[in-house]
């Protein structure tokens, strides 16, 4: 057993179908990728163009297909193969998501979290 991100697990499973990716019945953490433009960015307009490009459904669908990262862009999901659309490792069911939660800041115990996170990811 090992902790893994869904996108990494999906690619490994494609290489070795004897492996499985599971979310514990008790749930897991949710993650979100975000794009931001630093206030010191030298070319803000190019950054906006990139974000707009990535969010176009046909481009978002290609990224899902290539990287196995989920997308919230519904028109992109409709462009995916039926196999990817129905891949619950990529798009977990509502029942699985109901037991998951976002990670909130834990300032007062951040050092403890950092220590355990390092232990888990270094195994």
PDB file of N, CA and C in Angstrom:
ATOM      1  N   UNK A   1       0.851  -1.163   0.000  1.00  0.00           N
ATOM      2  CA  UNK A   1       0.000   0.000   0.000  1.00  0.00           C
ATOM      3  C   UNK A   1       0.897   1.227   0.000  1.00  0.00           C
ATOM      4  N   UNK A   2       0.461   2.244  -0.724  1.00  0.00           N
ATOM      5  CA  UNK A   2       1.215   3.492  -0.783  1.00  0.00           C
ATOM      6  C   UNK A   2       0.246   4.643  -1.007  1.00  0.00           C
ATOM      7  N   UNK A   3       0.610   5.801  -0.501  1.00  0.00           N
ATOM      8  CA  UNK A   3      -0.176   7.009  -0.755  1.00  0.00           C
ATOM      9  C   UNK A   3       0.199   7.505  -2.136  1.00  0.00           C
ATOM     10  N   UNK A   4      -0.783   7.920  -2.912  1.00  0.00           N
ATOM     11  CA  UNK A   4      -0.479   8.429  -4.240  1.00  0.00           C
ATOM     12  C   UNK A   4      -1.538   9.398  -4.713  1.00  0.00           C
ATOM     13  N   UNK A   5      -1.137  10.270  -5.594  1.00  0.00           N
ATOM     14  CA  UNK A   5      -2.093  11.182  -6.223  1.00  0.00           C
ATOM     15  C   UNK A   5      -2.820  10.432  -7.328  1.00  0.00           C
ATOM     16  N   UNK A   6      -4.079  10.766  -7.545  1.00  0.00           N
ATOM     17  CA  UNK A   6      -4.884  10.041  -8.518  1.00  0.00           C
ATOM     18  C   UNK A   6      -4.252  10.040  -9.898  1.00  0.00           C
ATOM     19  N   UNK A   7      -3.722  11.170 -10.336  1.00  0.00           N
ATOM     20  CA  UNK A   7      -3.145  11.227 -11.687  1.00  0.00           C
ATOM     21  C   UNK A   7      -1.948  10.288 -11.823  1.00  0.00           C
ATOM     22  N   UNK A   8      -1.115  10.219 -10.784  1.00  0.00           N
ATOM     23  CA  UNK A   8       0.023   9.292 -10.817  1.00  0.00           C
ATOM     24  C   UNK A   8      -0.459   7.850 -10.778  1.00  0.00           C
ATOM     25  N   UNK A   9      -1.434   7.574  -9.920  1.00  0.00           N
ATOM     26  CA  UNK A   9      -1.945   6.213  -9.787  1.00  0.00           C
ATOM     27  C   UNK A   9      -2.566   5.721 -11.095  1.00  0.00           C
ATOM     28  N   UNK A  10      -3.297   6.574 -11.764  1.00  0.00           N
ATOM     29  CA  UNK A  10      -3.940   6.186 -13.023  1.00  0.00           C
ATOM     30  C   UNK A  10      -2.892   5.774 -14.049  1.00  0.00           C
ATOM     31  N   UNK A  11      -1.818   6.539 -14.157  1.00  0.00           N
ATOM     32  CA  UNK A  11      -0.764   6.203 -15.124  1.00  0.00           C
ATOM     33  C   UNK A  11      -0.064   4.900 -14.759  1.00  0.00           C
ATOM     34  N   UNK A  12       0.183   4.678 -13.472  1.00  0.00           N
ATOM     35  CA  UNK A  12       0.845   3.442 -13.037  1.00  0.00           C
ATOM     36  C   UNK A  12      -0.060   2.237 -13.298  1.00  0.00           C
ATOM     37  N   UNK A  13      -1.352   2.404 -13.043  1.00  0.00           N
ATOM     38  CA  UNK A  13      -2.306   1.307 -13.277  1.00  0.00           C
ATOM     39  C   UNK A  13      -2.380   0.966 -14.762  1.00  0.00           C
ATOM     40  N   UNK A  14      -2.257   1.969 -15.622  1.00  0.00           N
ATOM     41  CA  UNK A  14      -2.259   1.696 -17.061  1.00  0.00           C
ATOM     42  C   UNK A  14      -1.067   0.818 -17.438  1.00  0.00           C
ATOM     43  N   UNK A  15       0.037   0.946 -16.713  1.00  0.00           N
ATOM     44  CA  UNK A  15       1.215   0.112 -16.965  1.00  0.00           C
ATOM     45  C   UNK A  15       1.116  -1.241 -16.283  1.00  0.00           C
ATOM     46  N   UNK A  16       0.392  -1.312 -15.171  1.00  0.00           N
ATOM     47  CA  UNK A  16       0.277  -2.556 -14.418  1.00  0.00           C
ATOM     48  C   UNK A  16      -1.152  -2.698 -13.910  1.00  0.00           C
ATOM     49  N   UNK A  17      -2.014  -3.374 -14.667  1.00  0.00           N
ATOM     50  CA  UNK A  17      -3.422  -3.494 -14.288  1.00  0.00           C
ATOM     51  C   UNK A  17      -3.662  -4.327 -13.027  1.00  0.00           C
ATOM     52  N   UNK A  18      -2.609  -4.934 -12.460  1.00  0.00           N
ATOM     53  CA  UNK A  18      -2.773  -5.662 -11.205  1.00  0.00           C
ATOM     54  C   UNK A  18      -2.876  -4.711 -10.012  1.00  0.00           C
ATOM     55  N   UNK A  19      -2.553  -3.442 -10.229  1.00  0.00           N
ATOM     56  CA  UNK A  19      -2.627  -2.454  -9.158  1.00  0.00           C
ATOM     57  C   UNK A  19      -4.001  -1.801  -9.153  1.00  0.00           C
ATOM     58  N   UNK A  20      -4.383  -1.273  -7.992  1.00  0.00           N
ATOM     59  CA  UNK A  20      -5.669  -0.578  -7.862  1.00  0.00           C
ATOM     60  C   UNK A  20      -5.471   0.713  -7.101  1.00  0.00           C
ATOM     61  N   UNK A  21      -6.307   1.675  -7.400  1.00  0.00           N
ATOM     62  CA  UNK A  21      -6.326   2.956  -6.702  1.00  0.00           C
ATOM     63  C   UNK A  21      -7.618   3.016  -5.910  1.00  0.00           C
ATOM     64  N   UNK A  22      -7.516   3.239  -4.617  1.00  0.00           N
ATOM     65  CA  UNK A  22      -8.700   3.266  -3.760  1.00  0.00           C
ATOM     66  C   UNK A  22      -8.715   4.518  -2.907  1.00  0.00           C
ATOM     67  N   UNK A  23      -9.891   5.045  -2.697  1.00  0.00           N
ATOM     68  CA  UNK A  23     -10.096   6.098  -1.715  1.00  0.00           C
ATOM     69  C   UNK A  23     -10.667   5.411  -0.488  1.00  0.00           C
ATOM     70  N   UNK A  24     -10.072   5.606   0.693  1.00  0.00           N
ATOM     71  CA  UNK A  24     -10.593   4.941   1.894  1.00  0.00           C
ATOM     72  C   UNK A  24     -12.081   5.247   2.102  1.00  0.00           C
ATOM     73  N   UNK A  25     -12.811   4.287   2.657  1.00  0.00           N
ATOM     74  CA  UNK A  25     -14.242   4.482   2.914  1.00  0.00           C
ATOM     75  C   UNK A  25     -14.478   5.688   3.816  1.00  0.00           C
ATOM     76  N   UNK A  26     -13.509   5.985   4.680  1.00  0.00           N
ATOM     77  CA  UNK A  26     -13.643   7.137   5.576  1.00  0.00           C
ATOM     78  C   UNK A  26     -13.413   8.455   4.856  1.00  0.00           C
ATOM     79  N   UNK A  27     -12.929   8.386   3.614  1.00  0.00           N
ATOM     80  CA  UNK A  27     -12.711   9.601   2.830  1.00  0.00           C
ATOM     81  C   UNK A  27     -11.243   9.947   2.685  1.00  0.00           C
ATOM     82  N   UNK A  28     -11.018  11.089   2.097  1.00  0.00           N
ATOM     83  CA  UNK A  28      -9.652  11.533   1.820  1.00  0.00           C
ATOM     84  C   UNK A  28      -9.675  13.046   1.679  1.00  0.00           C
ATOM     85  N   UNK A  29      -8.522  13.588   1.411  1.00  0.00           N
ATOM     86  CA  UNK A  29      -8.462  15.025   1.161  1.00  0.00           C
ATOM     87  C   UNK A  29      -8.747  15.294  -0.314  1.00  0.00           C
ATOM     88  N   UNK A  30      -9.268  16.451  -0.590  1.00  0.00           N
ATOM     89  CA  UNK A  30      -9.482  16.903  -1.958  1.00  0.00           C
ATOM     90  C   UNK A  30      -8.380  17.891  -2.296  1.00  0.00           C
ATOM     91  N   UNK A  31      -7.998  17.917  -3.538  1.00  0.00           N
ATOM     92  CA  UNK A  31      -7.006  18.901  -3.964  1.00  0.00           C
ATOM     93  C   UNK A  31      -7.535  19.648  -5.160  1.00  0.00           C
ATOM     94  N   UNK A  32      -6.993  20.803  -5.360  1.00  0.00           N
ATOM     95  CA  UNK A  32      -7.401  21.647  -6.476  1.00  0.00           C
ATOM     96  C   UNK A  32      -6.170  22.292  -7.077  1.00  0.00           C
ATOM     97  N   UNK A  33      -6.021  22.176  -8.366  1.00  0.00           N
ATOM     98  CA  UNK A  33      -4.973  22.925  -9.045  1.00  0.00           C
ATOM     99  C   UNK A  33      -5.535  24.298  -9.379  1.00  0.00           C
ATOM    100  N   UNK A  34      -4.708  25.299  -9.228  1.00  0.00           N
ATOM    101  CA  UNK A  34      -5.140  26.650  -9.557  1.00  0.00           C
ATOM    102  C   UNK A  34      -4.086  27.324 -10.412  1.00  0.00           C
ATOM    103  N   UNK A  35      -4.529  28.306 -11.151  1.00  0.00           N
ATOM    104  CA  UNK A  35      -3.594  29.125 -11.923  1.00  0.00           C
ATOM    105  C   UNK A  35      -3.720  30.550 -11.411  1.00  0.00           C
ATOM    106  N   UNK A  36      -2.586  31.150 -11.152  1.00  0.00           N
ATOM    107  CA  UNK A  36      -2.571  32.529 -10.687  1.00  0.00           C
ATOM    108  C   UNK A  36      -1.551  33.315 -11.494  1.00  0.00           C
ATOM    109  N   UNK A  37      -1.705  34.591 -11.472  1.00  0.00           N
ATOM    110  CA  UNK A  37      -0.757  35.475 -12.135  1.00  0.00           C
ATOM    111  C   UNK A  37      -0.104  36.317 -11.040  1.00  0.00           C
ATOM    112  N   UNK A  38       1.182  36.101 -10.779  1.00  0.00           N
ATOM    113  CA  UNK A  38       1.846  36.901  -9.742  1.00  0.00           C
ATOM    114  C   UNK A  38       1.782  38.388 -10.081  1.00  0.00           C
ATOM    115  N   UNK A  39       1.694  39.210  -9.066  1.00  0.00           N
ATOM    116  CA  UNK A  39       1.602  40.650  -9.340  1.00  0.00           C
ATOM    117  C   UNK A  39       2.878  41.190  -9.965  1.00  0.00           C
ATOM    118  N   UNK A  40       3.965  40.425  -9.894  1.00  0.00           N
ATOM    119  CA  UNK A  40       5.230  40.852 -10.510  1.00  0.00           C
ATOM    120  C   UNK A  40       5.458  40.196 -11.876  1.00  0.00           C
ATOM    121  N   UNK A  41       4.433  39.547 -12.417  1.00  0.00           N
ATOM    122  CA  UNK A  41       4.574  38.867 -13.708  1.00  0.00           C
ATOM    123  C   UNK A  41       4.991  39.863 -14.786  1.00  0.00           C
ATOM    124  N   UNK A  42       5.978  39.509 -15.606  1.00  0.00           N
ATOM    125  CA  UNK A  42       6.449  40.441 -16.631  1.00  0.00           C
ATOM    126  C   UNK A  42       5.502  40.571 -17.824  1.00  0.00           C
ATOM    127  N   UNK A  43       4.614  39.579 -18.030  1.00  0.00           N
ATOM    128  CA  UNK A  43       3.731  39.639 -19.189  1.00  0.00           C
ATOM    129  C   UNK A  43       2.349  39.116 -18.782  1.00  0.00           C
ATOM    130  N   UNK A  44       1.595  39.971 -18.132  1.00  0.00           N
ATOM    131  CA  UNK A  44       0.283  39.594 -17.624  1.00  0.00           C
ATOM    132  C   UNK A  44      -0.663  39.185 -18.759  1.00  0.00           C
ATOM    133  N   UNK A  45      -0.602  39.880 -19.860  1.00  0.00           N
ATOM    134  CA  UNK A  45      -1.483  39.562 -20.984  1.00  0.00           C
ATOM    135  C   UNK A  45      -1.228  38.149 -21.503  1.00  0.00           C
ATOM    136  N   UNK A  46       0.032  37.756 -21.596  1.00  0.00           N
ATOM    137  CA  UNK A  46       0.355  36.390 -22.033  1.00  0.00           C
ATOM    138  C   UNK A  46      -0.165  35.368 -21.028  1.00  0.00           C
ATOM    139  N   UNK A  47      -0.091  35.686 -19.761  1.00  0.00           N
ATOM    140  CA  UNK A  47      -0.603  34.772 -18.732  1.00  0.00           C
ATOM    141  C   UNK A  47      -2.112  34.584 -18.893  1.00  0.00           C
ATOM    142  N   UNK A  48      -2.829  35.672 -19.118  1.00  0.00           N
ATOM    143  CA  UNK A  48      -4.278  35.563 -19.347  1.00  0.00           C
ATOM    144  C   UNK A  48      -4.569  34.743 -20.606  1.00  0.00           C
ATOM    145  N   UNK A  49      -3.788  34.944 -21.643  1.00  0.00           N
ATOM    146  CA  UNK A  49      -3.996  34.174 -22.875  1.00  0.00           C
ATOM    147  C   UNK A  49      -3.772  32.688 -22.626  1.00  0.00           C
ATOM    148  N   UNK A  50      -2.758  32.352 -21.830  1.00  0.00           N
ATOM    149  CA  UNK A  50      -2.490  30.946 -21.507  1.00  0.00           C
ATOM    150  C   UNK A  50      -3.660  30.334 -20.734  1.00  0.00           C
ATOM    151  N   UNK A  51      -4.121  31.042 -19.725  1.00  0.00           N
ATOM    152  CA  UNK A  51      -5.242  30.532 -18.926  1.00  0.00           C
ATOM    153  C   UNK A  51      -6.465  30.345 -19.821  1.00  0.00           C
ATOM    154  N   UNK A  52      -6.766  31.320 -20.655  1.00  0.00           N
ATOM    155  CA  UNK A  52      -7.906  31.189 -21.568  1.00  0.00           C
ATOM    156  C   UNK A  52      -7.730  30.020 -22.537  1.00  0.00           C
ATOM    157  N   UNK A  53      -6.508  29.801 -22.988  1.00  0.00           N
ATOM    158  CA  UNK A  53      -6.212  28.683 -23.894  1.00  0.00           C
ATOM    159  C   UNK A  53      -6.471  27.343 -23.198  1.00  0.00           C
ATOM    160  N   UNK A  54      -5.951  27.195 -21.990  1.00  0.00           N
ATOM    161  CA  UNK A  54      -6.094  25.936 -21.247  1.00  0.00           C
ATOM    162  C   UNK A  54      -7.556  25.649 -20.930  1.00  0.00           C
ATOM    163  N   UNK A  55      -8.350  26.692 -20.722  1.00  0.00           N
ATOM    164  CA  UNK A  55      -9.749  26.493 -20.355  1.00  0.00           C
ATOM    165  C   UNK A  55     -10.678  26.304 -21.549  1.00  0.00           C
ATOM    166  N   UNK A  56     -10.165  26.386 -22.767  1.00  0.00           N
ATOM    167  CA  UNK A  56     -11.000  26.063 -23.920  1.00  0.00           C
ATOM    168  C   UNK A  56     -11.276  24.560 -23.871  1.00  0.00           C
ATOM    169  N   UNK A  57     -12.524  24.149 -24.026  1.00  0.00           N
ATOM    170  CA  UNK A  57     -12.881  22.739 -23.849  1.00  0.00           C
ATOM    171  C   UNK A  57     -12.009  21.750 -24.622  1.00  0.00           C
ATOM    172  N   UNK A  58     -11.706  22.037 -25.894  1.00  0.00           N
ATOM    173  CA  UNK A  58     -10.910  21.072 -26.664  1.00  0.00           C
ATOM    174  C   UNK A  58      -9.494  20.944 -26.094  1.00  0.00           C
ATOM    175  N   UNK A  59      -8.933  22.027 -25.585  1.00  0.00           N
ATOM    176  CA  UNK A  59      -7.591  21.971 -24.996  1.00  0.00           C
ATOM    177  C   UNK A  59      -7.623  21.307 -23.626  1.00  0.00           C
ATOM    178  N   UNK A  60      -8.632  21.621 -22.841  1.00  0.00           N
ATOM    179  CA  UNK A  60      -8.777  20.987 -21.534  1.00  0.00           C
ATOM    180  C   UNK A  60      -8.945  19.477 -21.685  1.00  0.00           C
ATOM    181  N   UNK A  61      -9.718  19.047 -22.668  1.00  0.00           N
ATOM    182  CA  UNK A  61      -9.915  17.612 -22.910  1.00  0.00           C
ATOM    183  C   UNK A  61      -8.598  16.936 -23.286  1.00  0.00           C
ATOM    184  N   UNK A  62      -7.801  17.602 -24.103  1.00  0.00           N
ATOM    185  CA  UNK A  62      -6.496  17.036 -24.477  1.00  0.00           C
ATOM    186  C   UNK A  62      -5.587  16.894 -23.259  1.00  0.00           C
ATOM    187  N   UNK A  63      -5.641  17.863 -22.343  1.00  0.00           N
ATOM    188  CA  UNK A  63      -4.830  17.780 -21.131  1.00  0.00           C
ATOM    189  C   UNK A  63      -5.272  16.623 -20.243  1.00  0.00           C
ATOM    190  N   UNK A  64      -6.583  16.422 -20.131  1.00  0.00           N
ATOM    191  CA  UNK A  64      -7.089  15.277 -19.353  1.00  0.00           C
ATOM    192  C   UNK A  64      -6.595  13.981 -19.970  1.00  0.00           C
ATOM    193  N   UNK A  65      -6.718  13.873 -21.280  1.00  0.00           N
ATOM    194  CA  UNK A  65      -6.316  12.655 -21.979  1.00  0.00           C
ATOM    195  C   UNK A  65      -4.821  12.389 -21.812  1.00  0.00           C
ATOM    196  N   UNK A  66      -4.027  13.419 -21.882  1.00  0.00           N
ATOM    197  CA  UNK A  66      -2.560  13.247 -21.820  1.00  0.00           C
ATOM    198  C   UNK A  66      -2.040  13.077 -20.398  1.00  0.00           C
ATOM    199  N   UNK A  67      -2.539  13.893 -19.453  1.00  0.00           N
ATOM    200  CA  UNK A  67      -1.975  13.930 -18.109  1.00  0.00           C
ATOM    201  C   UNK A  67      -2.781  13.176 -17.063  1.00  0.00           C
ATOM    202  N   UNK A  68      -4.010  12.812 -17.402  1.00  0.00           N
ATOM    203  CA  UNK A  68      -4.915  12.130 -16.473  1.00  0.00           C
ATOM    204  C   UNK A  68      -5.209  12.987 -15.233  1.00  0.00           C
ATOM    205  N   UNK A  69      -5.357  14.286 -15.462  1.00  0.00           N
ATOM    206  CA  UNK A  69      -5.819  15.207 -14.428  1.00  0.00           C
ATOM    207  C   UNK A  69      -7.276  15.514 -14.741  1.00  0.00           C
ATOM    208  N   UNK A  70      -8.118  15.514 -13.734  1.00  0.00           N
ATOM    209  CA  UNK A  70      -9.527  15.822 -13.942  1.00  0.00           C
ATOM    210  C   UNK A  70      -9.689  17.291 -14.314  1.00  0.00           C
ATOM    211  N   UNK A  71     -10.811  17.590 -14.920  1.00  0.00           N
ATOM    212  CA  UNK A  71     -11.146  18.966 -15.263  1.00  0.00           C
ATOM    213  C   UNK A  71     -12.561  19.259 -14.788  1.00  0.00           C
ATOM    214  N   UNK A  72     -12.829  20.484 -14.368  1.00  0.00           N
ATOM    215  CA  UNK A  72     -14.201  20.852 -14.018  1.00  0.00           C
ATOM    216  C   UNK A  72     -14.981  21.380 -15.215  1.00  0.00           C
ATOM    217  N   UNK A  73     -14.357  21.444 -16.370  1.00  0.00           N
ATOM    218  CA  UNK A  73     -14.969  22.048 -17.552  1.00  0.00           C
ATOM    219  C   UNK A  73     -15.871  21.017 -18.229  1.00  0.00           C
ATOM    220  N   UNK A  74     -17.182  21.154 -18.008  1.00  0.00           N
ATOM    221  CA  UNK A  74     -18.139  20.162 -18.480  1.00  0.00           C
ATOM    222  C   UNK A  74     -18.082  19.926 -19.989  1.00  0.00           C
ATOM    223  N   UNK A  75     -17.975  20.966 -20.834  1.00  0.00           N
ATOM    224  CA  UNK A  75     -17.871  20.689 -22.273  1.00  0.00           C
ATOM    225  C   UNK A  75     -16.613  19.883 -22.622  1.00  0.00           C
ATOM    226  N   UNK A  76     -15.561  20.020 -21.841  1.00  0.00           N
ATOM    227  CA  UNK A  76     -14.346  19.230 -22.072  1.00  0.00           C
ATOM    228  C   UNK A  76     -14.594  17.774 -21.714  1.00  0.00           C
ATOM    229  N   UNK A  77     -15.281  17.536 -20.618  1.00  0.00           N
ATOM    230  CA  UNK A  77     -15.574  16.161 -20.189  1.00  0.00           C
ATOM    231  C   UNK A  77     -16.379  15.446 -21.269  1.00  0.00           C
ATOM    232  N   UNK A  78     -17.306  16.151 -21.893  1.00  0.00           N
ATOM    233  CA  UNK A  78     -18.130  15.550 -22.944  1.00  0.00           C
ATOM    234  C   UNK A  78     -17.312  15.167 -24.176  1.00  0.00           C
ATOM    235  N   UNK A  79     -16.124  15.761 -24.323  1.00  0.00           N
ATOM    236  CA  UNK A  79     -15.258  15.441 -25.461  1.00  0.00           C
ATOM    237  C   UNK A  79     -14.335  14.251 -25.180  1.00  0.00           C
ATOM    238  N   UNK A  80     -14.287  13.804 -23.940  1.00  0.00           N
ATOM    239  CA  UNK A  80     -13.421  12.683 -23.581  1.00  0.00           C
ATOM    240  C   UNK A  80     -14.016  11.365 -24.061  1.00  0.00           C
ATOM    241  N   UNK A  81     -13.155  10.371 -24.176  1.00  0.00           N
ATOM    242  CA  UNK A  81     -13.652   9.037 -24.499  1.00  0.00           C
ATOM    243  C   UNK A  81     -14.596   8.586 -23.384  1.00  0.00           C
ATOM    244  N   UNK A  82     -15.501   7.688 -23.720  1.00  0.00           N
ATOM    245  CA  UNK A  82     -16.429   7.158 -22.713  1.00  0.00           C
ATOM    246  C   UNK A  82     -15.664   6.511 -21.565  1.00  0.00           C
ATOM    247  N   UNK A  83     -14.556   5.855 -21.893  1.00  0.00           N
ATOM    248  CA  UNK A  83     -13.735   5.211 -20.860  1.00  0.00           C
ATOM    249  C   UNK A  83     -13.230   6.233 -19.841  1.00  0.00           C
ATOM    250  N   UNK A  84     -12.715   7.365 -20.314  1.00  0.00           N
ATOM    251  CA  UNK A  84     -12.228   8.391 -19.393  1.00  0.00           C
ATOM    252  C   UNK A  84     -13.374   9.058 -18.630  1.00  0.00           C
ATOM    253  N   UNK A  85     -14.475   9.320 -19.306  1.00  0.00           N
ATOM    254  CA  UNK A  85     -15.622   9.933 -18.633  1.00  0.00           C
ATOM    255  C   UNK A  85     -16.107   9.080 -17.470  1.00  0.00           C
ATOM    256  N   UNK A  86     -16.015   7.775 -17.625  1.00  0.00           N
ATOM    257  CA  UNK A  86     -16.516   6.849 -16.604  1.00  0.00           C
ATOM    258  C   UNK A  86     -15.438   6.347 -15.653  1.00  0.00           C
ATOM    259  N   UNK A  87     -14.226   6.875 -15.764  1.00  0.00           N
ATOM    260  CA  UNK A  87     -13.134   6.449 -14.891  1.00  0.00           C
ATOM    261  C   UNK A  87     -13.309   7.095 -13.518  1.00  0.00           C
ATOM    262  N   UNK A  88     -13.728   6.305 -12.539  1.00  0.00           N
ATOM    263  CA  UNK A  88     -13.986   6.843 -11.207  1.00  0.00           C
ATOM    264  C   UNK A  88     -12.703   7.180 -10.449  1.00  0.00           C
ATOM    265  N   UNK A  89     -11.554   6.748 -10.947  1.00  0.00           N
ATOM    266  CA  UNK A  89     -10.301   7.211 -10.364  1.00  0.00           C
ATOM    267  C   UNK A  89     -10.044   8.661 -10.776  1.00  0.00           C
ATOM    268  N   UNK A  90     -10.493   9.015 -11.945  1.00  0.00           N
ATOM    269  CA  UNK A  90     -10.335  10.367 -12.474  1.00  0.00           C
ATOM    270  C   UNK A  90     -11.468  11.278 -12.015  1.00  0.00           C
ATOM    271  N   UNK A  91     -12.681  10.760 -12.083  1.00  0.00           N
ATOM    272  CA  UNK A  91     -13.871  11.507 -11.680  1.00  0.00           C
ATOM    273  C   UNK A  91     -14.625  10.677 -10.635  1.00  0.00           C
ATOM    274  N   UNK A  92     -14.264  10.817  -9.348  1.00  0.00           N
ATOM    275  CA  UNK A  92     -14.902  10.002  -8.301  1.00  0.00           C
ATOM    276  C   UNK A  92     -16.416  10.218  -8.256  1.00  0.00           C
ATOM    277  N   UNK A  93     -17.095   9.212  -7.771  1.00  0.00           N
ATOM    278  CA  UNK A  93     -18.551   9.295  -7.652  1.00  0.00           C
ATOM    279  C   UNK A  93     -18.929  10.295  -6.558  1.00  0.00           C
ATOM    280  N   UNK A  94     -20.173  10.732  -6.583  1.00  0.00           N
ATOM    281  CA  UNK A  94     -20.668  11.636  -5.541  1.00  0.00           C
ATOM    282  C   UNK A  94     -20.569  10.990  -4.160  1.00  0.00           C
ATOM    283  N   UNK A  95     -20.785   9.677  -4.099  1.00  0.00           N
ATOM    284  CA  UNK A  95     -20.709   8.975  -2.815  1.00  0.00           C
ATOM    285  C   UNK A  95     -19.290   9.032  -2.243  1.00  0.00           C
ATOM    286  N   UNK A  96     -18.292   8.883  -3.086  1.00  0.00           N
ATOM    287  CA  UNK A  96     -16.898   8.978  -2.629  1.00  0.00           C
ATOM    288  C   UNK A  96     -16.587  10.410  -2.206  1.00  0.00           C
ATOM    289  N   UNK A  97     -16.979  11.364  -3.033  1.00  0.00           N
ATOM    290  CA  UNK A  97     -16.692  12.764  -2.731  1.00  0.00           C
ATOM    291  C   UNK A  97     -17.369  13.243  -1.454  1.00  0.00           C
ATOM    292  N   UNK A  98     -18.516  12.651  -1.110  1.00  0.00           N
ATOM    293  CA  UNK A  98     -19.244  13.059   0.093  1.00  0.00           C
ATOM    294  C   UNK A  98     -18.418  12.838   1.354  1.00  0.00           C
ATOM    295  N   UNK A  99     -17.482  11.896   1.322  1.00  0.00           N
ATOM    296  CA  UNK A  99     -16.641  11.611   2.488  1.00  0.00           C
ATOM    297  C   UNK A  99     -15.287  12.314   2.429  1.00  0.00           C
ATOM    298  N   UNK A 100     -15.076  13.134   1.435  1.00  0.00           N
ATOM    299  CA  UNK A 100     -13.796  13.821   1.286  1.00  0.00           C
ATOM    300  C   UNK A 100     -13.947  15.286   1.663  1.00  0.00           C
ATOM    301  N   UNK A 101     -12.828  15.906   1.982  1.00  0.00           N
ATOM    302  CA  UNK A 101     -12.888  17.320   2.352  1.00  0.00           C
ATOM    303  C   UNK A 101     -11.618  18.036   1.925  1.00  0.00           C
ATOM    304  N   UNK A 102     -11.758  19.324   1.760  1.00  0.00           N
ATOM    305  CA  UNK A 102     -10.608  20.151   1.419  1.00  0.00           C
ATOM    306  C   UNK A 102      -9.677  20.296   2.615  1.00  0.00           C
ATOM    307  N   UNK A 103      -8.464  20.623   2.316  1.00  0.00           N
ATOM    308  CA  UNK A 103      -7.482  20.814   3.382  1.00  0.00           C
ATOM    309  C   UNK A 103      -7.526  22.274   3.807  1.00  0.00           C
ATOM    310  N   UNK A 104      -7.736  22.485   5.091  1.00  0.00           N
ATOM    311  CA  UNK A 104      -7.808  23.836   5.628  1.00  0.00           C
ATOM    312  C   UNK A 104      -6.479  24.204   6.275  1.00  0.00           C
ATOM    313  N   UNK A 105      -6.169  25.494   6.352  1.00  0.00           N
ATOM    314  CA  UNK A 105      -4.936  25.908   7.039  1.00  0.00           C
ATOM    315  C   UNK A 105      -4.938  25.432   8.492  1.00  0.00           C
ATOM    316  N   UNK A 106      -3.809  24.997   8.945  1.00  0.00           N
ATOM    317  CA  UNK A 106      -3.665  24.479  10.315  1.00  0.00           C
ATOM    318  C   UNK A 106      -2.464  25.151  10.987  1.00  0.00           C
ATOM    319  N   UNK A 107      -2.483  26.456  10.998  1.00  0.00           N
ATOM    320  CA  UNK A 107      -1.333  27.215  11.466  1.00  0.00           C
ATOM    321  C   UNK A 107      -0.778  26.735  12.799  1.00  0.00           C
ATOM    322  N   UNK A 108      -1.641  26.467  13.763  1.00  0.00           N
ATOM    323  CA  UNK A 108      -1.164  26.124  15.100  1.00  0.00           C
ATOM    324  C   UNK A 108      -0.503  24.745  15.175  1.00  0.00           C
ATOM    325  N   UNK A 109      -0.776  23.865  14.223  1.00  0.00           N
ATOM    326  CA  UNK A 109      -0.155  22.539  14.242  1.00  0.00           C
ATOM    327  C   UNK A 109       0.552  22.228  12.925  1.00  0.00           C
ATOM    328  N   UNK A 110       0.915  23.255  12.182  1.00  0.00           N
ATOM    329  CA  UNK A 110       1.547  23.059  10.868  1.00  0.00           C
ATOM    330  C   UNK A 110       2.813  22.223  10.966  1.00  0.00           C
ATOM    331  N   UNK A 111       3.592  22.415  12.004  1.00  0.00           N
ATOM    332  CA  UNK A 111       4.840  21.653  12.150  1.00  0.00           C
ATOM    333  C   UNK A 111       4.560  20.157  12.283  1.00  0.00           C
ATOM    334  N   UNK A 112       3.530  19.799  13.026  1.00  0.00           N
ATOM    335  CA  UNK A 112       3.161  18.379  13.189  1.00  0.00           C
ATOM    336  C   UNK A 112       2.721  17.811  11.844  1.00  0.00           C
ATOM    337  N   UNK A 113       1.872  18.527  11.110  1.00  0.00           N
ATOM    338  CA  UNK A 113       1.428  18.081   9.801  1.00  0.00           C
ATOM    339  C   UNK A 113       2.609  17.923   8.852  1.00  0.00           C
ATOM    340  N   UNK A 114       3.495  18.896   8.847  1.00  0.00           N
ATOM    341  CA  UNK A 114       4.672  18.825   7.975  1.00  0.00           C
ATOM    342  C   UNK A 114       5.520  17.594   8.283  1.00  0.00           C
ATOM    343  N   UNK A 115       5.718  17.309   9.557  1.00  0.00           N
ATOM    344  CA  UNK A 115       6.525  16.154   9.955  1.00  0.00           C
ATOM    345  C   UNK A 115       5.889  14.851   9.463  1.00  0.00           C
ATOM    346  N   UNK A 116       4.577  14.690   9.708  1.00  0.00           N
ATOM    347  CA  UNK A 116       3.905  13.458   9.283  1.00  0.00           C
ATOM    348  C   UNK A 116       3.807  13.375   7.754  1.00  0.00           C
ATOM    349  N   UNK A 117       3.560  14.491   7.095  1.00  0.00           N
ATOM    350  CA  UNK A 117       3.502  14.487   5.631  1.00  0.00           C
ATOM    351  C   UNK A 117       4.836  14.051   5.059  1.00  0.00           C
ATOM    352  N   UNK A 118       5.925  14.530   5.635  1.00  0.00           N
ATOM    353  CA  UNK A 118       7.257  14.135   5.172  1.00  0.00           C
ATOM    354  C   UNK A 118       7.481  12.646   5.396  1.00  0.00           C
ATOM    355  N   UNK A 119       7.043  12.133   6.527  1.00  0.00           N
ATOM    356  CA  UNK A 119       7.180  10.691   6.793  1.00  0.00           C
ATOM    357  C   UNK A 119       6.374   9.864   5.800  1.00  0.00           C
ATOM    358  N   UNK A 120       5.165  10.273   5.526  1.00  0.00           N
ATOM    359  CA  UNK A 120       4.300   9.525   4.614  1.00  0.00           C
ATOM    360  C   UNK A 120       4.866   9.543   3.190  1.00  0.00           C
ATOM    361  N   UNK A 121       5.262  10.693   2.730  1.00  0.00           N
ATOM    362  CA  UNK A 121       5.710  10.812   1.345  1.00  0.00           C
ATOM    363  C   UNK A 121       7.146  10.347   1.131  1.00  0.00           C
ATOM    364  N   UNK A 122       7.849  10.062   2.216  1.00  0.00           N
ATOM    365  CA  UNK A 122       9.227   9.587   2.101  1.00  0.00           C
ATOM    366  C   UNK A 122       9.334   8.081   2.240  1.00  0.00           C
ATOM    367  N   UNK A 123       8.213   7.424   2.455  1.00  0.00           N
ATOM    368  CA  UNK A 123       8.233   5.968   2.699  1.00  0.00           C
ATOM    369  C   UNK A 123       8.701   5.201   1.486  1.00  0.00           C
TER     370      UNK A 123
END
